[in-house]
């Protein structure tokens, strides 16, 4: 035999179970509509990421430029010292035409080699700069795409009332696919237009105000 207290307890347990079920169902429900501030923040975050990438690139470029300038400064000092030695060497052989000719040829050959090395290094530096510019351009393109995708994701999320962070975490960049995913995950009730169905020749009103008005007109028809 079930006592009154047991019945009461059982009823409370059922109520709690129902609340838990309702709570769990609510946890999967759609979040609130996202504001323009939310979208702007998402775009700002994407731009910040792009900015950090660009800053890292500029830092690497600064290091390369500093290194290049250091090499040039070192070469300039070496050339200046070598020129001083060459002058002294020529001066020492000025009274020996044969020795002077040998020294001059040797110095000319060394100068040609130095000039070739400088041109070779400059070519390599230009090649590196070209690759760096290409990388920067690609980085800017990717940053622009990421920013636009961020905006599109938030727009789709708002349209279907789904979590934009979840939608973004899927890693999908195809907008049509994102649209289908968001549409399938949405708990937003689709809009159902007025069917225009009538009962007894009178169109059924939807709102309570319209129902009251219709009832009054039915009791007091206009002559």
N, C-alpha and C. Protein backbone atom coordinates (compact mmCIF):
# COMPACT_ATOMS: atom_id res chain seq x y z
N UNK A 1 0.85 -1.21 0.00
CA UNK A 1 0.00 0.00 0.00
C UNK A 1 0.88 1.24 0.00
N UNK A 2 0.55 2.18 -0.86
CA UNK A 2 1.33 3.41 -0.97
C UNK A 2 0.72 4.47 -0.09
N UNK A 3 1.51 5.05 0.82
CA UNK A 3 1.03 6.08 1.73
C UNK A 3 0.95 7.41 1.04
N UNK A 4 0.34 8.35 1.71
CA UNK A 4 0.19 9.70 1.16
C UNK A 4 1.54 10.36 1.01
N UNK A 5 2.44 10.14 2.04
CA UNK A 5 3.78 10.74 1.98
C UNK A 5 4.57 10.17 0.83
N UNK A 6 4.44 8.81 0.61
CA UNK A 6 5.17 8.18 -0.49
C UNK A 6 4.69 8.72 -1.81
N UNK A 7 3.36 8.93 -1.90
CA UNK A 7 2.80 9.49 -3.14
C UNK A 7 3.35 10.88 -3.40
N UNK A 8 3.46 11.65 -2.32
CA UNK A 8 3.97 13.02 -2.44
C UNK A 8 5.42 13.00 -2.89
N UNK A 9 6.19 12.05 -2.25
CA UNK A 9 7.62 11.95 -2.61
C UNK A 9 7.79 11.56 -4.07
N UNK A 10 6.96 10.57 -4.49
CA UNK A 10 7.02 10.11 -5.88
C UNK A 10 6.70 11.24 -6.84
N UNK A 11 5.74 12.05 -6.48
CA UNK A 11 5.36 13.18 -7.31
C UNK A 11 6.47 14.20 -7.43
N UNK A 12 7.18 14.41 -6.27
CA UNK A 12 8.29 15.36 -6.29
C UNK A 12 9.41 14.84 -7.16
N UNK A 13 9.69 13.51 -7.05
CA UNK A 13 10.75 12.92 -7.88
C UNK A 13 10.43 13.06 -9.35
N UNK A 14 9.16 12.81 -9.70
CA UNK A 14 8.76 12.94 -11.10
C UNK A 14 8.92 14.35 -11.58
N UNK A 15 8.56 15.32 -10.69
CA UNK A 15 8.68 16.73 -11.04
C UNK A 15 10.12 17.10 -11.28
N UNK A 16 11.02 16.59 -10.37
CA UNK A 16 12.44 16.90 -10.52
C UNK A 16 13.00 16.30 -11.78
N UNK A 17 12.57 15.06 -12.09
CA UNK A 17 13.02 14.41 -13.33
C UNK A 17 12.58 15.21 -14.54
N UNK A 18 11.35 15.69 -14.50
CA UNK A 18 10.85 16.51 -15.62
C UNK A 18 11.63 17.78 -15.76
N UNK A 19 11.98 18.41 -14.60
CA UNK A 19 12.77 19.64 -14.66
C UNK A 19 14.13 19.37 -15.24
N UNK A 20 14.73 18.22 -14.83
CA UNK A 20 16.07 17.87 -15.33
C UNK A 20 16.03 17.67 -16.81
N UNK A 21 14.96 16.97 -17.28
CA UNK A 21 14.82 16.73 -18.72
C UNK A 21 14.67 18.02 -19.46
N UNK A 22 13.83 18.90 -18.88
CA UNK A 22 13.63 20.21 -19.51
C UNK A 22 14.92 20.99 -19.56
N UNK A 23 15.70 20.91 -18.44
CA UNK A 23 16.97 21.64 -18.37
C UNK A 23 17.94 21.13 -19.41
N UNK A 24 18.00 19.74 -19.52
CA UNK A 24 18.92 19.17 -20.49
C UNK A 24 18.52 19.56 -21.90
N UNK A 25 17.24 19.58 -22.16
CA UNK A 25 16.77 19.98 -23.48
C UNK A 25 17.10 21.43 -23.75
N UNK A 26 16.98 22.24 -22.68
CA UNK A 26 17.28 23.65 -22.84
C UNK A 26 18.74 23.91 -23.11
N UNK A 27 19.62 22.98 -22.60
CA UNK A 27 21.05 23.18 -22.79
C UNK A 27 21.46 23.06 -24.24
N UNK A 28 20.64 22.38 -25.04
CA UNK A 28 20.95 22.23 -26.46
C UNK A 28 20.19 23.23 -27.31
N UNK A 29 19.47 24.12 -26.64
CA UNK A 29 18.68 25.09 -27.38
C UNK A 29 19.58 26.15 -27.99
N UNK A 30 19.00 26.93 -28.86
CA UNK A 30 19.73 27.96 -29.58
C UNK A 30 20.05 29.14 -28.68
N UNK A 31 21.26 29.67 -28.73
CA UNK A 31 21.58 30.85 -27.94
C UNK A 31 20.84 32.08 -28.45
N UNK A 32 20.95 33.16 -27.67
CA UNK A 32 20.23 34.35 -28.03
C UNK A 32 20.78 34.96 -29.32
N UNK A 33 19.99 35.85 -29.91
CA UNK A 33 20.42 36.50 -31.14
C UNK A 33 21.70 37.30 -30.89
N UNK A 34 22.62 37.24 -31.84
CA UNK A 34 23.91 37.89 -31.68
C UNK A 34 23.83 39.33 -32.19
N UNK A 35 24.49 40.19 -31.45
CA UNK A 35 24.42 41.61 -31.76
C UNK A 35 25.50 42.02 -32.74
N UNK A 36 25.38 43.25 -33.20
CA UNK A 36 26.39 43.82 -34.10
C UNK A 36 27.73 43.91 -33.38
N UNK A 37 27.69 44.16 -32.07
CA UNK A 37 28.92 44.23 -31.28
C UNK A 37 29.65 42.88 -31.27
N UNK A 38 28.86 41.79 -31.20
CA UNK A 38 29.46 40.45 -31.24
C UNK A 38 30.17 40.22 -32.57
N UNK A 39 29.48 40.59 -33.65
CA UNK A 39 30.08 40.41 -34.98
C UNK A 39 31.32 41.26 -35.14
N UNK A 40 31.25 42.51 -34.68
CA UNK A 40 32.40 43.41 -34.78
C UNK A 40 33.59 42.87 -33.99
N UNK A 41 33.30 42.27 -32.83
CA UNK A 41 34.38 41.71 -32.03
C UNK A 41 35.05 40.54 -32.76
N UNK A 42 34.23 39.72 -33.41
CA UNK A 42 34.79 38.59 -34.16
C UNK A 42 35.69 39.07 -35.28
N UNK A 43 35.22 40.09 -35.99
CA UNK A 43 36.04 40.66 -37.07
C UNK A 43 37.31 41.27 -36.51
N UNK A 44 37.18 41.95 -35.36
CA UNK A 44 38.34 42.57 -34.72
C UNK A 44 39.37 41.52 -34.33
N UNK A 45 38.88 40.38 -33.81
CA UNK A 45 39.79 39.30 -33.43
C UNK A 45 40.53 38.76 -34.65
N UNK A 46 39.81 38.63 -35.76
CA UNK A 46 40.45 38.13 -36.98
C UNK A 46 41.50 39.12 -37.48
N UNK A 47 41.18 40.40 -37.40
CA UNK A 47 42.14 41.43 -37.83
C UNK A 47 43.35 41.46 -36.91
N UNK A 48 43.13 41.23 -35.62
CA UNK A 48 44.25 41.20 -34.67
C UNK A 48 45.20 40.06 -34.99
N UNK A 49 44.62 38.91 -35.33
CA UNK A 49 45.44 37.76 -35.72
C UNK A 49 46.25 38.07 -36.96
N UNK A 50 45.58 38.70 -37.93
CA UNK A 50 46.29 39.09 -39.15
C UNK A 50 47.37 40.11 -38.85
N UNK A 51 47.07 41.01 -37.91
CA UNK A 51 48.05 42.03 -37.54
C UNK A 51 49.28 41.42 -36.89
N UNK A 52 49.05 40.43 -36.03
CA UNK A 52 50.20 39.75 -35.40
C UNK A 52 51.04 39.03 -36.43
N UNK A 53 50.37 38.42 -37.43
CA UNK A 53 51.10 37.73 -38.50
C UNK A 53 51.94 38.73 -39.29
N UNK A 54 51.34 39.88 -39.61
CA UNK A 54 52.07 40.90 -40.34
C UNK A 54 53.23 41.46 -39.52
N UNK A 55 53.00 41.59 -38.22
CA UNK A 55 54.06 42.10 -37.34
C UNK A 55 55.23 41.13 -37.27
N UNK A 56 54.92 39.82 -37.21
CA UNK A 56 55.97 38.81 -37.21
C UNK A 56 56.77 38.88 -38.50
N UNK A 57 56.04 39.08 -39.60
CA UNK A 57 56.71 39.18 -40.89
C UNK A 57 57.64 40.39 -40.91
N UNK A 58 57.15 41.53 -40.42
CA UNK A 58 57.97 42.74 -40.39
C UNK A 58 59.20 42.55 -39.51
N UNK A 59 59.04 41.81 -38.42
CA UNK A 59 60.17 41.55 -37.53
C UNK A 59 61.24 40.74 -38.25
N UNK A 60 60.80 39.71 -38.99
CA UNK A 60 61.77 38.91 -39.74
C UNK A 60 62.45 39.74 -40.81
N UNK A 61 61.67 40.61 -41.46
CA UNK A 61 62.23 41.47 -42.50
C UNK A 61 63.25 42.43 -41.91
N UNK A 62 62.97 42.94 -40.72
CA UNK A 62 63.90 43.84 -40.05
C UNK A 62 65.22 43.14 -39.74
N UNK A 63 65.12 41.89 -39.31
CA UNK A 63 66.33 41.11 -39.03
C UNK A 63 67.16 40.92 -40.29
N UNK A 64 66.48 40.59 -41.39
CA UNK A 64 67.19 40.40 -42.67
C UNK A 64 67.84 41.70 -43.13
N UNK A 65 67.11 42.80 -43.01
CA UNK A 65 67.66 44.10 -43.42
C UNK A 65 68.87 44.48 -42.57
N UNK A 66 68.77 44.23 -41.26
CA UNK A 66 69.88 44.53 -40.36
C UNK A 66 71.11 43.70 -40.72
N UNK A 67 70.87 42.43 -41.01
CA UNK A 67 71.98 41.55 -41.38
C UNK A 67 72.62 42.00 -42.69
N UNK A 68 71.80 42.37 -43.65
CA UNK A 68 72.31 42.84 -44.94
C UNK A 68 73.15 44.09 -44.78
N UNK A 69 72.67 45.02 -43.96
CA UNK A 69 73.42 46.26 -43.74
C UNK A 69 74.75 45.98 -43.03
N UNK A 70 74.74 45.03 -42.10
CA UNK A 70 75.98 44.67 -41.39
C UNK A 70 77.01 44.09 -42.35
N UNK A 71 76.54 43.27 -43.30
CA UNK A 71 77.45 42.69 -44.30
C UNK A 71 78.04 43.80 -45.19
N UNK A 72 77.19 44.73 -45.59
CA UNK A 72 77.67 45.83 -46.43
C UNK A 72 78.70 46.68 -45.69
N UNK A 73 78.44 46.96 -44.43
CA UNK A 73 79.38 47.76 -43.64
C UNK A 73 80.71 47.03 -43.49
N UNK A 74 80.64 45.71 -43.28
CA UNK A 74 81.86 44.92 -43.14
C UNK A 74 82.64 44.91 -44.45
N UNK A 75 81.96 44.76 -45.55
CA UNK A 75 82.61 44.76 -46.86
C UNK A 75 83.27 46.11 -47.13
N UNK A 76 82.57 47.19 -46.77
CA UNK A 76 83.13 48.53 -47.00
C UNK A 76 84.42 48.72 -46.21
N UNK A 77 84.45 48.23 -44.97
CA UNK A 77 85.67 48.34 -44.16
C UNK A 77 86.81 47.50 -44.75
N UNK A 78 86.45 46.29 -45.23
CA UNK A 78 87.45 45.41 -45.83
C UNK A 78 88.03 46.03 -47.09
N UNK A 79 87.19 46.61 -47.92
CA UNK A 79 87.66 47.26 -49.16
C UNK A 79 88.57 48.43 -48.84
N UNK A 80 88.18 49.21 -47.83
CA UNK A 80 89.00 50.36 -47.45
C UNK A 80 90.39 49.93 -46.96
N UNK A 81 90.44 48.91 -46.14
CA UNK A 81 91.72 48.40 -45.66
C UNK A 81 92.56 47.81 -46.79
N UNK A 82 91.89 47.09 -47.71
CA UNK A 82 92.61 46.48 -48.83
C UNK A 82 93.17 47.54 -49.76
N UNK A 83 92.43 48.60 -49.95
CA UNK A 83 92.92 49.68 -50.81
C UNK A 83 94.19 50.32 -50.21
N UNK A 84 94.19 50.46 -48.90
CA UNK A 84 95.38 51.00 -48.23
C UNK A 84 96.58 50.06 -48.41
N UNK A 85 96.36 48.77 -48.31
CA UNK A 85 97.45 47.80 -48.51
C UNK A 85 97.92 47.80 -49.96
N UNK A 86 96.97 47.94 -50.89
CA UNK A 86 97.33 47.95 -52.32
C UNK A 86 98.21 49.15 -52.66
N UNK A 87 97.84 50.28 -52.07
CA UNK A 87 98.63 51.50 -52.33
C UNK A 87 100.06 51.32 -51.80
N UNK A 88 100.14 50.76 -50.61
CA UNK A 88 101.47 50.53 -50.01
C UNK A 88 102.27 49.53 -50.82
N UNK A 89 101.60 48.50 -51.33
CA UNK A 89 102.26 47.47 -52.13
C UNK A 89 102.78 48.05 -53.44
N UNK A 90 101.98 48.88 -54.08
CA UNK A 90 102.39 49.51 -55.34
C UNK A 90 103.56 50.47 -55.11
N UNK A 91 103.51 51.16 -54.01
CA UNK A 91 104.57 52.11 -53.68
C UNK A 91 105.90 51.37 -53.48
N UNK A 92 105.82 50.19 -52.89
CA UNK A 92 107.05 49.43 -52.62
C UNK A 92 107.70 48.87 -53.89
N UNK A 93 106.88 48.74 -54.96
CA UNK A 93 107.41 48.15 -56.19
C UNK A 93 107.53 49.16 -57.31
N UNK A 94 107.46 50.44 -57.00
CA UNK A 94 107.48 51.46 -58.05
C UNK A 94 108.78 51.50 -58.83
N UNK A 95 109.87 51.02 -58.23
CA UNK A 95 111.16 51.04 -58.92
C UNK A 95 111.44 49.73 -59.64
N UNK A 96 110.49 48.79 -59.59
CA UNK A 96 110.67 47.49 -60.25
C UNK A 96 109.47 47.27 -61.17
N UNK A 97 109.62 47.69 -62.47
CA UNK A 97 108.50 47.60 -63.41
C UNK A 97 107.91 46.20 -63.53
N UNK A 98 108.72 45.18 -63.57
CA UNK A 98 108.21 43.80 -63.71
C UNK A 98 107.38 43.40 -62.49
N UNK A 99 107.92 43.66 -61.31
CA UNK A 99 107.20 43.34 -60.07
C UNK A 99 105.93 44.18 -59.95
N UNK A 100 106.03 45.43 -60.39
CA UNK A 100 104.88 46.34 -60.34
C UNK A 100 103.74 45.81 -61.20
N UNK A 101 104.10 45.30 -62.38
CA UNK A 101 103.09 44.74 -63.29
C UNK A 101 102.40 43.53 -62.68
N UNK A 102 103.17 42.67 -62.05
CA UNK A 102 102.59 41.48 -61.40
C UNK A 102 101.62 41.88 -60.29
N UNK A 103 102.07 42.87 -59.49
CA UNK A 103 101.22 43.33 -58.38
C UNK A 103 99.92 43.93 -58.90
N UNK A 104 100.00 44.71 -59.94
CA UNK A 104 98.83 45.36 -60.52
C UNK A 104 97.84 44.31 -61.06
N UNK A 105 98.37 43.29 -61.75
CA UNK A 105 97.50 42.23 -62.27
C UNK A 105 96.82 41.46 -61.14
N UNK A 106 97.59 41.18 -60.09
CA UNK A 106 97.03 40.47 -58.96
C UNK A 106 95.94 41.29 -58.28
N UNK A 107 96.21 42.57 -58.11
CA UNK A 107 95.22 43.44 -57.48
C UNK A 107 93.95 43.57 -58.33
N UNK A 108 94.15 43.63 -59.64
CA UNK A 108 93.01 43.73 -60.54
C UNK A 108 92.15 42.47 -60.47
N UNK A 109 92.81 41.31 -60.44
CA UNK A 109 92.09 40.05 -60.33
C UNK A 109 91.32 39.96 -59.01
N UNK A 110 91.96 40.39 -57.92
CA UNK A 110 91.30 40.37 -56.62
C UNK A 110 90.11 41.32 -56.58
N UNK A 111 90.27 42.48 -57.17
CA UNK A 111 89.17 43.45 -57.22
C UNK A 111 87.99 42.89 -58.00
N UNK A 112 88.27 42.22 -59.13
CA UNK A 112 87.20 41.62 -59.94
C UNK A 112 86.45 40.55 -59.14
N UNK A 113 87.21 39.76 -58.36
CA UNK A 113 86.59 38.72 -57.55
C UNK A 113 85.71 39.32 -56.47
N UNK A 114 86.17 40.39 -55.85
CA UNK A 114 85.38 41.06 -54.81
C UNK A 114 84.09 41.62 -55.40
N UNK A 115 84.19 42.26 -56.56
CA UNK A 115 83.01 42.82 -57.21
C UNK A 115 82.01 41.73 -57.59
N UNK A 116 82.55 40.58 -58.05
CA UNK A 116 81.66 39.46 -58.39
C UNK A 116 80.94 38.95 -57.15
N UNK A 117 81.67 38.83 -56.05
CA UNK A 117 81.07 38.35 -54.80
C UNK A 117 79.98 39.28 -54.31
N UNK A 118 80.22 40.59 -54.47
CA UNK A 118 79.23 41.58 -54.04
C UNK A 118 77.96 41.46 -54.88
N UNK A 119 78.13 41.33 -56.20
CA UNK A 119 76.97 41.21 -57.08
C UNK A 119 76.21 39.91 -56.81
N UNK A 120 76.94 38.84 -56.53
CA UNK A 120 76.31 37.57 -56.22
C UNK A 120 75.49 37.67 -54.92
N UNK A 121 76.05 38.33 -53.93
CA UNK A 121 75.34 38.50 -52.67
C UNK A 121 74.11 39.37 -52.85
N UNK A 122 74.22 40.43 -53.64
CA UNK A 122 73.08 41.30 -53.89
C UNK A 122 71.97 40.55 -54.62
N UNK A 123 72.36 39.68 -55.55
CA UNK A 123 71.37 38.87 -56.26
C UNK A 123 70.63 37.96 -55.29
N UNK A 124 71.35 37.32 -54.40
CA UNK A 124 70.74 36.44 -53.41
C UNK A 124 69.82 37.23 -52.48
N UNK A 125 70.25 38.44 -52.12
CA UNK A 125 69.43 39.29 -51.25
C UNK A 125 68.13 39.69 -51.94
N UNK A 126 68.21 40.00 -53.24
CA UNK A 126 67.01 40.34 -54.00
C UNK A 126 66.07 39.15 -54.11
N UNK A 127 66.66 37.97 -54.26
CA UNK A 127 65.86 36.74 -54.34
C UNK A 127 65.11 36.52 -53.03
N UNK A 128 65.81 36.70 -51.92
CA UNK A 128 65.18 36.55 -50.60
C UNK A 128 64.08 37.58 -50.41
N UNK A 129 64.34 38.82 -50.84
CA UNK A 129 63.35 39.89 -50.72
C UNK A 129 62.11 39.59 -51.54
N UNK A 130 62.33 39.05 -52.73
CA UNK A 130 61.20 38.69 -53.60
C UNK A 130 60.33 37.63 -52.93
N UNK A 131 60.96 36.63 -52.34
CA UNK A 131 60.21 35.58 -51.66
C UNK A 131 59.48 36.14 -50.43
N UNK A 132 60.14 37.07 -49.75
CA UNK A 132 59.51 37.69 -48.57
C UNK A 132 58.29 38.50 -48.97
N UNK A 133 58.42 39.27 -50.05
CA UNK A 133 57.28 40.05 -50.54
C UNK A 133 56.13 39.15 -50.98
N UNK A 134 56.48 38.05 -51.62
CA UNK A 134 55.47 37.08 -52.06
C UNK A 134 54.75 36.49 -50.86
N UNK A 135 55.52 36.16 -49.82
CA UNK A 135 54.93 35.61 -48.60
C UNK A 135 54.02 36.63 -47.91
N UNK A 136 54.47 37.89 -47.87
CA UNK A 136 53.66 38.93 -47.25
C UNK A 136 52.35 39.12 -48.01
N UNK A 137 52.43 39.12 -49.33
CA UNK A 137 51.23 39.29 -50.14
C UNK A 137 50.25 38.15 -49.88
N UNK A 138 50.76 36.93 -49.82
CA UNK A 138 49.91 35.77 -49.55
C UNK A 138 49.31 35.85 -48.16
N UNK A 139 50.09 36.33 -47.20
CA UNK A 139 49.61 36.49 -45.82
C UNK A 139 48.46 37.49 -45.76
N UNK A 140 48.61 38.58 -46.50
CA UNK A 140 47.56 39.60 -46.52
C UNK A 140 46.28 39.06 -47.15
N UNK A 141 46.44 38.25 -48.22
CA UNK A 141 45.27 37.66 -48.88
C UNK A 141 44.55 36.72 -47.92
N UNK A 142 45.33 35.88 -47.24
CA UNK A 142 44.75 34.91 -46.30
C UNK A 142 44.08 35.63 -45.13
N UNK A 143 44.67 36.73 -44.68
CA UNK A 143 44.08 37.49 -43.58
C UNK A 143 42.75 38.09 -44.00
N UNK A 144 42.69 38.60 -45.24
CA UNK A 144 41.45 39.17 -45.76
C UNK A 144 40.38 38.09 -45.87
N UNK A 145 40.77 36.94 -46.37
CA UNK A 145 39.81 35.83 -46.48
C UNK A 145 39.30 35.40 -45.11
N UNK A 146 40.22 35.32 -44.15
CA UNK A 146 39.84 34.90 -42.80
C UNK A 146 38.86 35.89 -42.18
N UNK A 147 39.11 37.18 -42.40
CA UNK A 147 38.22 38.22 -41.86
C UNK A 147 36.84 38.13 -42.49
N UNK A 148 36.82 37.96 -43.81
CA UNK A 148 35.54 37.84 -44.51
C UNK A 148 34.79 36.58 -44.08
N UNK A 149 35.51 35.48 -43.92
CA UNK A 149 34.88 34.23 -43.48
C UNK A 149 34.31 34.38 -42.07
N UNK A 150 35.06 35.08 -41.21
CA UNK A 150 34.59 35.32 -39.84
C UNK A 150 33.27 36.08 -39.86
N UNK A 151 33.18 37.09 -40.71
CA UNK A 151 31.95 37.87 -40.82
C UNK A 151 30.80 37.02 -41.36
N UNK A 152 31.09 36.21 -42.38
CA UNK A 152 30.07 35.35 -42.98
C UNK A 152 29.56 34.31 -41.99
N UNK A 153 30.47 33.75 -41.19
CA UNK A 153 30.07 32.75 -40.20
C UNK A 153 29.10 33.35 -39.19
N UNK A 154 29.42 34.57 -38.73
CA UNK A 154 28.53 35.22 -37.76
C UNK A 154 27.18 35.57 -38.38
N UNK A 155 27.19 35.94 -39.66
CA UNK A 155 25.93 36.26 -40.33
C UNK A 155 25.06 35.01 -40.46
N UNK A 156 25.68 33.89 -40.84
CA UNK A 156 24.94 32.63 -40.97
C UNK A 156 24.44 32.17 -39.61
N UNK A 157 25.30 32.29 -38.58
CA UNK A 157 24.91 31.88 -37.24
C UNK A 157 23.73 32.70 -36.73
N UNK A 158 23.75 33.99 -36.99
CA UNK A 158 22.66 34.86 -36.57
C UNK A 158 21.37 34.52 -37.31
N UNK A 159 21.51 34.23 -38.60
CA UNK A 159 20.34 33.91 -39.42
C UNK A 159 19.62 32.67 -38.92
N UNK A 160 20.38 31.65 -38.54
CA UNK A 160 19.79 30.39 -38.11
C UNK A 160 19.79 30.20 -36.59
N UNK A 161 20.30 31.22 -35.88
CA UNK A 161 20.32 31.21 -34.41
C UNK A 161 21.07 29.98 -33.88
N UNK A 162 22.31 29.83 -34.33
CA UNK A 162 23.18 28.79 -33.81
C UNK A 162 24.44 29.45 -33.25
N UNK A 163 25.22 28.69 -32.50
CA UNK A 163 26.41 29.23 -31.86
C UNK A 163 27.51 29.47 -32.90
N UNK A 164 27.93 30.71 -33.12
CA UNK A 164 28.95 31.00 -34.12
C UNK A 164 30.30 30.38 -33.79
N UNK A 165 30.61 30.29 -32.49
CA UNK A 165 31.88 29.68 -32.09
C UNK A 165 31.91 28.20 -32.49
N UNK A 166 30.78 27.53 -32.29
CA UNK A 166 30.67 26.13 -32.70
C UNK A 166 30.78 25.99 -34.21
N UNK A 167 30.09 26.88 -34.92
CA UNK A 167 30.09 26.83 -36.38
C UNK A 167 31.50 27.06 -36.92
N UNK A 168 32.23 27.96 -36.30
CA UNK A 168 33.60 28.25 -36.72
C UNK A 168 34.53 27.09 -36.42
N UNK A 169 34.28 26.42 -35.27
CA UNK A 169 35.16 25.33 -34.84
C UNK A 169 35.12 24.14 -35.79
N UNK A 170 34.12 24.07 -36.66
CA UNK A 170 34.02 22.95 -37.61
C UNK A 170 35.11 23.02 -38.67
N UNK A 171 35.67 24.21 -38.86
CA UNK A 171 36.76 24.35 -39.83
C UNK A 171 36.30 24.30 -41.28
N UNK A 172 35.02 24.57 -41.51
CA UNK A 172 34.47 24.55 -42.87
C UNK A 172 34.53 25.96 -43.45
N UNK A 173 35.04 26.08 -44.66
CA UNK A 173 35.15 27.40 -45.28
C UNK A 173 34.15 27.60 -46.42
N UNK A 174 33.51 26.53 -46.85
CA UNK A 174 32.51 26.64 -47.91
C UNK A 174 31.21 27.19 -47.33
N UNK A 175 30.79 28.34 -47.83
CA UNK A 175 29.63 29.02 -47.24
C UNK A 175 28.32 28.23 -47.45
N UNK A 176 28.19 27.58 -48.59
CA UNK A 176 26.97 26.80 -48.82
C UNK A 176 26.89 25.64 -47.85
N UNK A 177 28.01 25.01 -47.60
CA UNK A 177 28.04 23.90 -46.65
C UNK A 177 27.76 24.39 -45.24
N UNK A 178 28.33 25.56 -44.89
CA UNK A 178 28.07 26.15 -43.58
C UNK A 178 26.59 26.48 -43.42
N UNK A 179 25.99 26.97 -44.49
CA UNK A 179 24.57 27.32 -44.47
C UNK A 179 23.72 26.08 -44.19
N UNK A 180 24.06 24.98 -44.85
CA UNK A 180 23.31 23.74 -44.67
C UNK A 180 23.48 23.18 -43.25
N UNK A 181 24.73 23.25 -42.75
CA UNK A 181 25.01 22.76 -41.40
C UNK A 181 24.22 23.58 -40.37
N UNK A 182 24.28 24.90 -40.52
CA UNK A 182 23.58 25.78 -39.58
C UNK A 182 22.07 25.58 -39.65
N UNK A 183 21.59 25.39 -40.85
CA UNK A 183 20.15 25.17 -41.04
C UNK A 183 19.71 23.87 -40.38
N UNK A 184 20.53 22.83 -40.51
CA UNK A 184 20.20 21.54 -39.92
C UNK A 184 20.29 21.56 -38.40
N UNK A 185 21.20 22.37 -37.87
CA UNK A 185 21.39 22.42 -36.41
C UNK A 185 20.46 23.42 -35.74
N UNK A 186 19.81 24.25 -36.52
CA UNK A 186 18.99 25.32 -35.95
C UNK A 186 17.71 24.77 -35.32
N UNK A 187 17.34 25.37 -34.19
CA UNK A 187 16.07 25.05 -33.53
C UNK A 187 15.06 26.17 -33.74
N UNK A 188 15.40 27.07 -34.63
CA UNK A 188 14.52 28.19 -34.92
C UNK A 188 13.29 27.69 -35.68
N UNK A 189 12.11 28.08 -35.21
CA UNK A 189 10.88 27.66 -35.86
C UNK A 189 10.73 28.37 -37.20
N UNK A 190 10.47 27.61 -38.27
CA UNK A 190 10.29 28.23 -39.57
C UNK A 190 9.03 29.09 -39.61
N UNK A 191 9.07 30.13 -40.40
CA UNK A 191 7.92 31.02 -40.53
C UNK A 191 6.83 30.34 -41.34
N UNK A 192 5.60 30.30 -40.79
CA UNK A 192 4.48 29.70 -41.49
C UNK A 192 3.49 30.80 -41.85
N UNK A 193 3.33 31.10 -43.12
CA UNK A 193 2.41 32.17 -43.51
C UNK A 193 0.96 31.79 -43.24
N UNK A 194 0.10 32.79 -43.18
CA UNK A 194 -1.32 32.58 -42.94
C UNK A 194 -1.90 31.72 -44.06
N UNK A 195 -2.52 30.61 -43.69
CA UNK A 195 -3.06 29.69 -44.69
C UNK A 195 -4.32 30.23 -45.37
N UNK A 196 -4.99 31.16 -44.69
CA UNK A 196 -6.19 31.74 -45.28
C UNK A 196 -7.41 30.83 -45.18
N UNK A 197 -7.30 29.76 -44.33
CA UNK A 197 -8.42 28.84 -44.18
C UNK A 197 -9.59 29.54 -43.49
N UNK A 198 -10.78 29.18 -43.86
CA UNK A 198 -11.98 29.81 -43.29
C UNK A 198 -12.89 28.75 -42.69
N UNK A 199 -13.70 29.17 -41.77
CA UNK A 199 -14.68 28.29 -41.14
C UNK A 199 -16.03 28.97 -41.21
N UNK A 200 -16.99 28.32 -41.87
CA UNK A 200 -18.32 28.90 -41.99
C UNK A 200 -18.32 30.19 -42.76
N UNK A 201 -17.43 30.32 -43.72
CA UNK A 201 -17.39 31.52 -44.55
C UNK A 201 -16.65 32.65 -43.92
N UNK A 202 -16.19 32.49 -42.67
CA UNK A 202 -15.48 33.56 -41.97
C UNK A 202 -14.01 33.16 -41.81
N UNK A 203 -13.09 34.02 -42.21
CA UNK A 203 -11.67 33.72 -42.08
C UNK A 203 -11.28 33.67 -40.61
N UNK A 204 -10.57 32.63 -40.22
CA UNK A 204 -10.18 32.45 -38.83
C UNK A 204 -9.05 33.41 -38.48
N UNK A 205 -9.22 34.30 -37.54
CA UNK A 205 -8.17 35.24 -37.15
C UNK A 205 -7.10 34.53 -36.33
N UNK A 206 -5.90 35.07 -36.34
CA UNK A 206 -4.78 34.46 -35.61
C UNK A 206 -4.60 35.06 -34.21
N UNK A 207 -4.62 36.40 -34.09
CA UNK A 207 -4.37 37.04 -32.81
C UNK A 207 -5.63 37.09 -31.96
N UNK A 208 -5.41 37.22 -30.64
CA UNK A 208 -6.55 37.29 -29.73
C UNK A 208 -7.39 38.53 -29.99
N UNK A 209 -6.71 39.64 -30.32
CA UNK A 209 -7.45 40.88 -30.61
C UNK A 209 -8.34 40.72 -31.83
N UNK A 210 -7.78 40.02 -32.84
CA UNK A 210 -8.56 39.82 -34.07
C UNK A 210 -9.75 38.89 -33.80
N UNK A 211 -9.54 37.90 -32.92
CA UNK A 211 -10.63 36.99 -32.58
C UNK A 211 -11.78 37.71 -31.89
N UNK A 212 -11.45 38.60 -30.95
CA UNK A 212 -12.49 39.39 -30.24
C UNK A 212 -13.26 40.25 -31.22
N UNK A 213 -12.50 40.89 -32.12
CA UNK A 213 -13.14 41.77 -33.11
C UNK A 213 -14.06 40.97 -34.01
N UNK A 214 -13.58 39.78 -34.43
CA UNK A 214 -14.39 38.94 -35.31
C UNK A 214 -15.67 38.49 -34.60
N UNK A 215 -15.55 38.15 -33.29
CA UNK A 215 -16.73 37.73 -32.53
C UNK A 215 -17.76 38.84 -32.39
N UNK A 216 -17.26 40.04 -32.17
CA UNK A 216 -18.16 41.20 -32.05
C UNK A 216 -18.89 41.45 -33.36
N UNK A 217 -18.14 41.38 -34.47
CA UNK A 217 -18.75 41.64 -35.78
C UNK A 217 -19.75 40.56 -36.14
N UNK A 218 -19.48 39.33 -35.65
CA UNK A 218 -20.41 38.24 -35.94
C UNK A 218 -21.73 38.43 -35.19
N UNK A 219 -21.64 38.94 -33.93
CA UNK A 219 -22.85 39.20 -33.15
C UNK A 219 -23.57 40.46 -33.59
N UNK A 220 -22.78 41.42 -34.06
CA UNK A 220 -23.36 42.71 -34.48
C UNK A 220 -22.94 42.99 -35.92
N UNK A 221 -23.53 42.28 -36.84
CA UNK A 221 -23.14 42.49 -38.25
C UNK A 221 -23.50 43.90 -38.72
N UNK A 222 -22.69 44.43 -39.56
CA UNK A 222 -22.95 45.77 -40.12
C UNK A 222 -24.04 45.68 -41.16
N UNK A 223 -25.06 46.50 -41.00
CA UNK A 223 -26.18 46.50 -41.95
C UNK A 223 -25.84 47.33 -43.17
